[in-house]
Amino acid sequence: MIKIAFYDTKPYDIPAFEEYGKQKGIEFKYFESRLSEDTAYLAKGFDGVCVFVNDVVDKKVIDILYSLGIKLLLLRCAGFNNVDVKAAFGKIHIYRVPAYSPYSVAEHAISLLCTCNRRIHKAYNRTRDYNFSLNELTGYDLHDKYIGVVGTGKIGKIFIKICQGFGMHVLAYDKYPDYNLSDVEYVELDELFKRSDFISLHCPLTEENKHMIDKRSIDLMKKGVGIINTSRGALINATDLLKGIKTRKIGFVCLDVYEEEGDIFYSDKSGHILDDDTLRNLLSMPNVLLTSHQAFLTHEALNNIADTTTNNIISFFNNDVLDTEVCYRCGNQENCKKKRKEKCF
């Protein structure tokens, strides 16, 4: 039986992985600890490791895992910015789940937008205290407004369709535009910032786009702009975001991710003092709505993640070639072995 060390385990992870694991002859050992240099040795005796977005998979961790005989790293998520893919090349094969449920993330993003725009969270809290005043609950019609969508992959495309259902005008930016999308105007990023009433981020995090929303880009935006981020926290410079809120340039912010979320999200911190001053100040703002990286969390997504991850495991040990394998040369037509129907190394 194939044995996999499963890091950063949460109760909602286990049922689907147990079901699909039993079906395919895979045994998971669940660790609550995140993968790090200190916990990597827990993987001794296993055939592979399974990690999530806040696990640390840097060169030191990769070298430890490799010394333990680990040849397989499974990401139960789409993004892989937390993995040093270059350090892993030639040592550990990396697989991800590129499309567990794009609907879950897109639907969460539009839910955040609607909630903030119509002050639903405020109205809920008021009525719980028998306060039925409508003061300061005025929102805007989404119909006929401009939504700027950064990233038009699977999630971005679904989000665009939902916005079009509201009658919104869609401005989009992507390094690789899909001009087959109907009623979508592709523009340069600065133009998107200038013209959008609302901006939603649906792109992966890279060295190139880190802090794409910062003081410079915020200065370009309309006064009262709404910003939604369900992708990766480091796409936004949180300090500059906070200043934009304080100066009233930004109308509202919806965040499902935060750059320094690693030691905070997925944990109950209600009995602790929050050391992160920036996050604490953001949470004190009445026009900031934050959820703790839950956009992916639907029953359908959890089942798809477990199904794809277990398929990745079986395919690896069957020596199959999958598009879900990731390496630092992926996407390079000349160097990528997957184009020749081979494993990355």
Protein backbone atom coordinates (compact mmCIF):
# COMPACT_ATOMS: atom_id res chain seq x y z
CA MET A 1 0.00 0.00 0.00
CA ILE A 2 1.24 3.49 -0.87
CA LYS A 3 1.84 5.63 2.24
CA ILE A 4 1.54 9.44 2.13
CA ALA A 5 2.40 11.93 4.91
CA PHE A 6 -0.41 14.50 4.97
CA TYR A 7 0.59 17.87 6.47
CA ASP A 8 -1.49 20.79 7.81
CA THR A 9 -4.54 18.55 8.25
CA LYS A 10 -7.93 20.04 9.05
CA PRO A 11 -11.05 18.04 9.99
CA TYR A 12 -12.74 18.82 6.68
CA ASP A 13 -9.80 17.29 4.73
CA ILE A 14 -10.06 13.79 6.13
CA PRO A 15 -13.43 12.33 4.93
CA ALA A 16 -12.81 12.77 1.20
CA PHE A 17 -9.17 11.65 1.34
CA GLU A 18 -10.10 8.59 3.39
CA GLU A 19 -12.81 7.64 0.89
CA TYR A 20 -10.68 8.06 -2.24
CA GLY A 21 -7.59 6.64 -0.54
CA LYS A 22 -9.34 3.39 0.36
CA GLN A 23 -10.69 3.06 -3.16
CA LYS A 24 -7.18 3.35 -4.67
CA GLY A 25 -5.02 1.58 -2.10
CA ILE A 26 -3.46 4.68 -0.54
CA GLU A 27 -2.87 5.14 3.18
CA PHE A 28 -2.70 8.68 4.54
CA LYS A 29 -1.06 9.60 7.85
CA TYR A 30 -2.52 12.92 8.99
CA PHE A 31 -0.33 15.48 10.73
CA GLU A 32 -1.80 18.72 12.11
CA SER A 33 1.62 20.40 11.83
CA ARG A 34 2.51 22.33 8.72
CA LEU A 35 5.47 21.14 6.70
CA SER A 36 8.63 23.01 7.61
CA GLU A 37 12.30 22.36 8.24
CA ASP A 38 11.37 21.19 11.76
CA THR A 39 8.57 18.80 10.73
CA ALA A 40 9.97 17.43 7.47
CA TYR A 41 11.47 14.44 9.32
CA LEU A 42 7.95 13.18 10.08
CA ALA A 43 7.90 12.01 6.47
CA LYS A 44 10.49 9.29 7.13
CA GLY A 45 9.23 5.94 5.88
CA PHE A 46 6.57 7.43 3.59
CA ASP A 47 6.34 7.30 -0.19
CA GLY A 48 5.33 10.92 -0.60
CA VAL A 49 4.03 14.04 1.13
CA CYS A 50 0.83 16.05 0.64
CA VAL A 51 0.82 19.77 1.47
CA PHE A 52 -1.37 22.88 1.31
CA VAL A 53 -0.90 26.58 0.62
CA ASN A 54 0.85 27.60 3.86
CA ASP A 55 3.27 24.69 4.11
CA VAL A 56 6.90 25.70 3.59
CA VAL A 57 8.59 23.78 0.79
CA ASP A 58 11.85 25.66 0.35
CA LYS A 59 15.26 24.27 -0.59
CA LYS A 60 16.08 23.15 2.96
CA VAL A 61 12.82 21.24 3.26
CA ILE A 62 13.24 19.70 -0.19
CA ASP A 63 16.75 18.54 0.65
CA ILE A 64 15.51 16.93 3.89
CA LEU A 65 12.65 15.17 2.12
CA TYR A 66 14.98 13.97 -0.63
CA SER A 67 17.42 12.60 1.96
CA LEU A 68 14.50 10.62 3.42
CA GLY A 69 13.81 9.05 0.05
CA ILE A 70 10.75 11.14 -0.79
CA LYS A 71 10.25 11.37 -4.54
CA LEU A 72 6.70 12.76 -4.67
CA LEU A 73 5.25 16.07 -3.43
CA LEU A 74 1.49 16.56 -3.78
CA LEU A 75 -0.09 20.00 -3.62
CA ARG A 76 -3.79 19.79 -2.78
CA CYS A 77 -4.27 23.24 -4.32
CA ALA A 78 -3.69 25.02 -7.62
CA GLY A 79 -0.97 27.49 -6.62
CA PHE A 80 2.64 26.46 -6.01
CA ASN A 81 4.30 29.76 -5.02
CA ASN A 82 5.22 28.21 -1.65
CA VAL A 83 7.39 25.57 -3.37
CA ASP A 84 10.94 26.09 -4.62
CA VAL A 85 10.30 24.24 -7.86
CA LYS A 86 13.82 24.86 -9.12
CA ALA A 87 15.38 23.26 -6.03
CA ALA A 88 13.04 20.27 -6.44
CA PHE A 89 13.96 19.65 -10.06
CA GLY A 90 15.82 16.37 -10.47
CA LYS A 91 14.93 15.32 -6.92
CA ILE A 92 11.22 15.40 -6.16
CA HIS A 93 8.31 15.34 -8.59
CA ILE A 94 5.60 17.91 -7.85
CA TYR A 95 1.92 17.53 -8.70
CA ARG A 96 -0.93 19.94 -8.08
CA VAL A 97 -4.71 20.22 -8.41
CA PRO A 98 -5.18 22.90 -11.08
CA ALA A 99 -8.98 23.00 -11.16
CA TYR A 100 -10.62 21.52 -8.08
CA SER A 101 -13.66 23.78 -8.34
CA PRO A 102 -13.30 27.11 -10.08
CA TYR A 103 -16.97 27.71 -9.31
CA SER A 104 -16.35 27.69 -5.56
CA VAL A 105 -13.76 30.49 -5.73
CA ALA A 106 -15.64 32.57 -8.31
CA GLU A 107 -18.89 32.29 -6.35
CA HIS A 108 -17.14 33.25 -3.12
CA ALA A 109 -15.63 36.32 -4.82
CA ILE A 110 -19.01 37.54 -6.05
CA SER A 111 -20.51 36.81 -2.62
CA LEU A 112 -17.89 39.04 -1.01
CA LEU A 113 -18.54 41.77 -3.57
CA CYS A 114 -22.31 41.70 -3.03
CA THR A 115 -21.97 41.54 0.75
CA CYS A 116 -19.64 44.53 0.97
CA ASN A 117 -21.43 46.60 -1.65
CA ARG A 118 -24.84 46.20 -0.01
CA ARG A 119 -23.47 46.23 3.58
CA ILE A 120 -25.16 42.89 4.28
CA HIS A 121 -22.70 42.01 7.04
CA LYS A 122 -23.46 45.29 8.80
CA ALA A 123 -27.21 44.84 8.41
CA TYR A 124 -26.97 41.33 9.86
CA ASN A 125 -25.10 42.53 12.94
CA ARG A 126 -27.56 45.39 13.45
CA THR A 127 -30.71 43.31 13.28
CA ARG A 128 -29.26 40.83 15.77
CA ASP A 129 -29.29 43.78 18.21
CA TYR A 130 -32.82 44.78 17.11
CA ASN A 131 -31.42 47.80 15.27
CA PHE A 132 -33.49 48.14 12.10
CA SER A 133 -32.09 51.47 10.94
CA LEU A 134 -31.04 51.75 7.30
CA ASN A 135 -28.57 54.56 7.90
CA GLU A 136 -25.19 54.06 6.19
CA LEU A 137 -26.32 50.88 4.43
CA THR A 138 -26.62 52.42 0.95
CA GLY A 139 -24.87 50.47 -1.79
CA TYR A 140 -24.64 50.69 -5.57
CA ASP A 141 -26.36 48.88 -8.44
CA LEU A 142 -23.85 46.46 -9.94
CA HIS A 143 -25.72 46.78 -13.23
CA ASP A 144 -23.86 49.01 -15.71
CA LYS A 145 -20.73 49.25 -13.50
CA TYR A 146 -17.23 48.35 -14.69
CA ILE A 147 -15.61 45.29 -13.13
CA GLY A 148 -11.87 44.86 -13.68
CA VAL A 149 -10.84 41.18 -13.71
CA VAL A 150 -7.13 40.46 -13.39
CA GLY A 151 -6.55 36.92 -14.62
CA THR A 152 -8.88 35.17 -17.04
CA GLY A 153 -8.11 31.54 -16.35
CA LYS A 154 -10.81 29.06 -15.32
CA ILE A 155 -11.81 30.96 -12.16
CA GLY A 156 -11.64 34.34 -13.85
CA LYS A 157 -13.83 33.18 -16.74
CA ILE A 158 -16.54 31.90 -14.40
CA PHE A 159 -16.38 35.10 -12.36
CA ILE A 160 -16.77 37.10 -15.58
CA LYS A 161 -19.90 35.15 -16.55
CA ILE A 162 -21.45 35.82 -13.16
CA CYS A 163 -20.66 39.53 -13.43
CA GLN A 164 -22.15 39.65 -16.91
CA GLY A 165 -25.29 38.14 -15.43
CA PHE A 166 -25.53 41.24 -13.25
CA GLY A 167 -25.24 43.40 -16.38
CA MET A 168 -21.72 44.62 -15.59
CA HIS A 169 -19.15 45.79 -18.15
CA VAL A 170 -16.02 43.62 -17.99
CA LEU A 171 -12.49 44.95 -18.35
CA ALA A 172 -9.84 42.25 -18.23
CA TYR A 173 -6.08 41.84 -18.04
CA ASP A 174 -4.10 38.66 -18.60
CA LYS A 175 -0.61 38.00 -19.92
CA TYR A 176 -2.23 35.51 -22.28
CA PRO A 177 -5.60 37.00 -23.28
CA ASP A 178 -8.43 34.78 -24.46
CA TYR A 179 -10.01 36.84 -27.21
CA ASN A 180 -12.73 34.24 -27.65
CA LEU A 181 -14.44 35.60 -24.52
CA SER A 182 -17.52 37.54 -25.54
CA ASP A 183 -18.25 41.04 -24.29
CA VAL A 184 -14.88 41.31 -22.56
CA GLU A 185 -12.55 44.24 -23.20
CA TYR A 186 -8.89 43.37 -22.66
CA VAL A 187 -6.85 46.38 -21.56
CA GLU A 188 -3.46 47.08 -20.05
CA LEU A 189 -3.27 46.82 -16.28
CA ASP A 190 -2.99 50.56 -15.63
CA GLU A 191 -6.06 51.24 -17.76
CA LEU A 192 -7.97 48.58 -15.85
CA PHE A 193 -7.04 50.27 -12.56
CA LYS A 194 -8.17 53.67 -13.89
CA ARG A 195 -11.53 52.65 -15.34
CA SER A 196 -12.85 49.97 -12.98
CA ASP A 197 -15.48 50.58 -10.31
CA PHE A 198 -14.55 47.21 -8.77
CA ILE A 199 -11.38 45.13 -9.20
CA SER A 200 -11.16 41.37 -8.61
CA LEU A 201 -7.90 39.39 -8.64
CA HIS A 202 -7.89 35.89 -10.15
CA CYS A 203 -4.24 35.35 -11.08
CA PRO A 204 -1.45 33.20 -9.62
CA LEU A 205 1.29 34.85 -7.59
CA THR A 206 4.62 35.29 -9.38
CA GLU A 207 7.75 37.34 -8.76
CA GLU A 208 6.55 39.64 -11.53
CA ASN A 209 3.14 40.49 -10.08
CA LYS A 210 3.91 40.54 -6.34
CA HIS A 211 2.31 43.69 -4.84
CA MET A 212 0.63 44.56 -8.14
CA ILE A 213 -1.75 46.60 -6.01
CA ASP A 214 0.38 49.14 -4.19
CA LYS A 215 0.50 52.90 -3.71
CA ARG A 216 1.20 53.56 -7.40
CA SER A 217 -1.70 51.45 -8.67
CA ILE A 218 -4.07 52.68 -5.95
CA ASP A 219 -3.31 56.27 -6.98
CA LEU A 220 -4.54 55.38 -10.47
CA MET A 221 -7.87 54.00 -9.26
CA LYS A 222 -11.24 55.72 -9.03
CA LYS A 223 -12.20 57.20 -5.70
CA GLY A 224 -14.42 54.70 -3.93
CA VAL A 225 -13.13 51.63 -5.81
CA GLY A 226 -13.94 48.20 -4.39
CA ILE A 227 -11.15 45.58 -4.34
CA ILE A 228 -11.67 41.81 -4.10
CA ASN A 229 -8.84 39.29 -3.68
CA THR A 230 -9.46 35.54 -3.54
CA SER A 231 -6.13 34.55 -5.13
CA ARG A 232 -2.94 35.13 -3.12
CA GLY A 233 -2.34 37.69 -0.40
CA ALA A 234 0.99 38.99 -1.71
CA LEU A 235 -0.70 40.36 -4.83
CA ILE A 236 -1.56 43.31 -2.57
CA ASN A 237 0.76 45.45 -0.47
CA ALA A 238 -1.31 45.47 2.72
CA THR A 239 0.37 48.59 4.13
CA ASP A 240 -0.45 50.60 1.01
CA LEU A 241 -3.95 49.13 0.99
CA LEU A 242 -4.52 50.33 4.53
CA LYS A 243 -3.38 53.84 3.60
CA GLY A 244 -5.74 53.82 0.63
CA ILE A 245 -8.63 52.96 2.93
CA LYS A 246 -7.70 55.63 5.45
CA THR A 247 -7.53 58.33 2.76
CA ARG A 248 -10.99 57.24 1.51
CA LYS A 249 -9.56 56.42 -1.94
CA ILE A 250 -10.71 52.83 -1.54
CA GLY A 251 -14.43 52.34 -0.92
CA PHE A 252 -14.27 48.78 0.38
CA VAL A 253 -12.00 45.75 0.42
CA CYS A 254 -12.93 42.05 0.34
CA LEU A 255 -10.08 39.68 1.22
CA ASP A 256 -10.03 35.91 1.40
CA VAL A 257 -6.22 35.92 1.49
CA TYR A 258 -3.54 37.91 3.26
CA GLU A 259 0.21 38.05 2.64
CA GLU A 260 1.19 37.11 6.20
CA GLU A 261 -1.63 34.64 6.74
CA GLY A 262 0.63 31.62 7.35
CA ASP A 263 0.64 31.71 11.16
CA ILE A 264 -2.90 33.07 11.47
CA PHE A 265 -5.38 31.56 9.00
CA TYR A 266 -6.93 28.12 9.57
CA SER A 267 -6.50 28.56 13.35
CA ASP A 268 -8.68 29.83 16.19
CA LYS A 269 -6.93 32.96 17.48
CA SER A 270 -9.95 34.31 19.37
CA GLY A 271 -8.24 33.95 22.75
CA HIS A 272 -4.99 35.58 21.66
CA ILE A 273 -3.64 39.06 21.04
CA LEU A 274 -3.03 39.52 17.33
CA ASP A 275 0.58 40.60 16.82
CA ASP A 276 0.09 41.61 13.19
CA ASP A 277 -0.63 45.36 13.44
CA THR A 278 -1.53 45.72 9.76
CA LEU A 279 -4.08 42.91 9.84
CA ARG A 280 -5.51 44.16 13.13
CA ASN A 281 -5.95 47.65 11.62
CA LEU A 282 -7.56 46.22 8.50
CA LEU A 283 -10.03 44.26 10.62
CA SER A 284 -10.91 47.42 12.54
CA MET A 285 -12.08 49.13 9.34
CA PRO A 286 -15.86 49.08 8.79
CA ASN A 287 -15.41 48.73 5.02
CA VAL A 288 -13.13 45.67 5.14
CA LEU A 289 -14.57 42.16 4.89
CA LEU A 290 -12.13 39.32 5.50
CA THR A 291 -12.60 35.57 5.32
CA SER A 292 -9.83 33.13 6.19
CA HIS A 293 -8.93 31.57 2.83
CA GLN A 294 -12.22 29.69 2.57
CA ALA A 295 -13.12 30.45 -1.05
CA PHE A 296 -12.25 26.88 -2.07
CA LEU A 297 -14.29 25.29 0.72
CA THR A 298 -17.25 23.49 -0.83
CA HIS A 299 -18.14 19.80 -0.74
CA GLU A 300 -17.60 19.56 -4.48
CA ALA A 301 -14.14 21.13 -4.25
CA LEU A 302 -13.01 18.91 -1.37
CA ASN A 303 -14.05 15.79 -3.29
CA ASN A 304 -12.36 17.01 -6.48
CA ILE A 305 -9.15 17.79 -4.58
CA ALA A 306 -9.05 14.31 -3.05
CA ASP A 307 -9.93 12.63 -6.34
CA THR A 308 -7.30 14.49 -8.36
CA THR A 309 -4.61 14.12 -5.69
CA THR A 310 -5.12 10.37 -5.38
CA ASN A 311 -5.12 10.07 -9.18
CA ASN A 312 -1.82 11.98 -9.21
CA ILE A 313 -0.39 9.46 -6.74
CA ILE A 314 -1.47 6.39 -8.71
CA SER A 315 -0.33 7.90 -12.01
CA PHE A 316 3.10 8.74 -10.59
CA PHE A 317 3.71 5.20 -9.40
CA ASN A 318 2.38 3.86 -12.72
CA ASN A 319 4.95 6.08 -14.45
CA ASP A 320 2.23 7.95 -16.34
CA VAL A 321 2.69 11.49 -17.69
CA LEU A 322 0.23 14.10 -16.39
CA ASP A 323 -0.34 17.79 -17.09
CA THR A 324 -0.66 18.27 -13.32
CA GLU A 325 3.11 17.82 -12.86
CA VAL A 326 4.93 21.09 -12.12
CA CYS A 327 8.58 22.05 -12.56
CA TYR A 328 10.44 25.29 -13.10
CA ARG A 329 10.71 24.56 -16.83
CA CYS A 330 6.99 23.89 -17.33
CA GLY A 331 5.55 26.12 -20.01
CA ASN A 332 8.86 26.45 -21.85
CA GLN A 333 8.21 24.86 -25.24
CA GLU A 334 11.88 24.07 -25.83
CA ASN A 335 12.77 22.56 -22.45
CA CYS A 336 9.47 21.12 -21.22
CA LYS A 337 9.56 17.33 -21.47
CA LYS A 338 5.80 17.10 -21.00
CA LYS A 339 5.50 18.38 -24.56
CA ARG A 340 7.26 15.15 -25.55
CA LYS A 341 4.98 13.08 -23.29
CA GLU A 342 7.63 12.50 -20.64
CA LYS A 343 7.89 13.23 -16.94
CA CYS A 344 9.62 16.49 -16.08
CA PHE A 345 12.85 14.61 -15.29
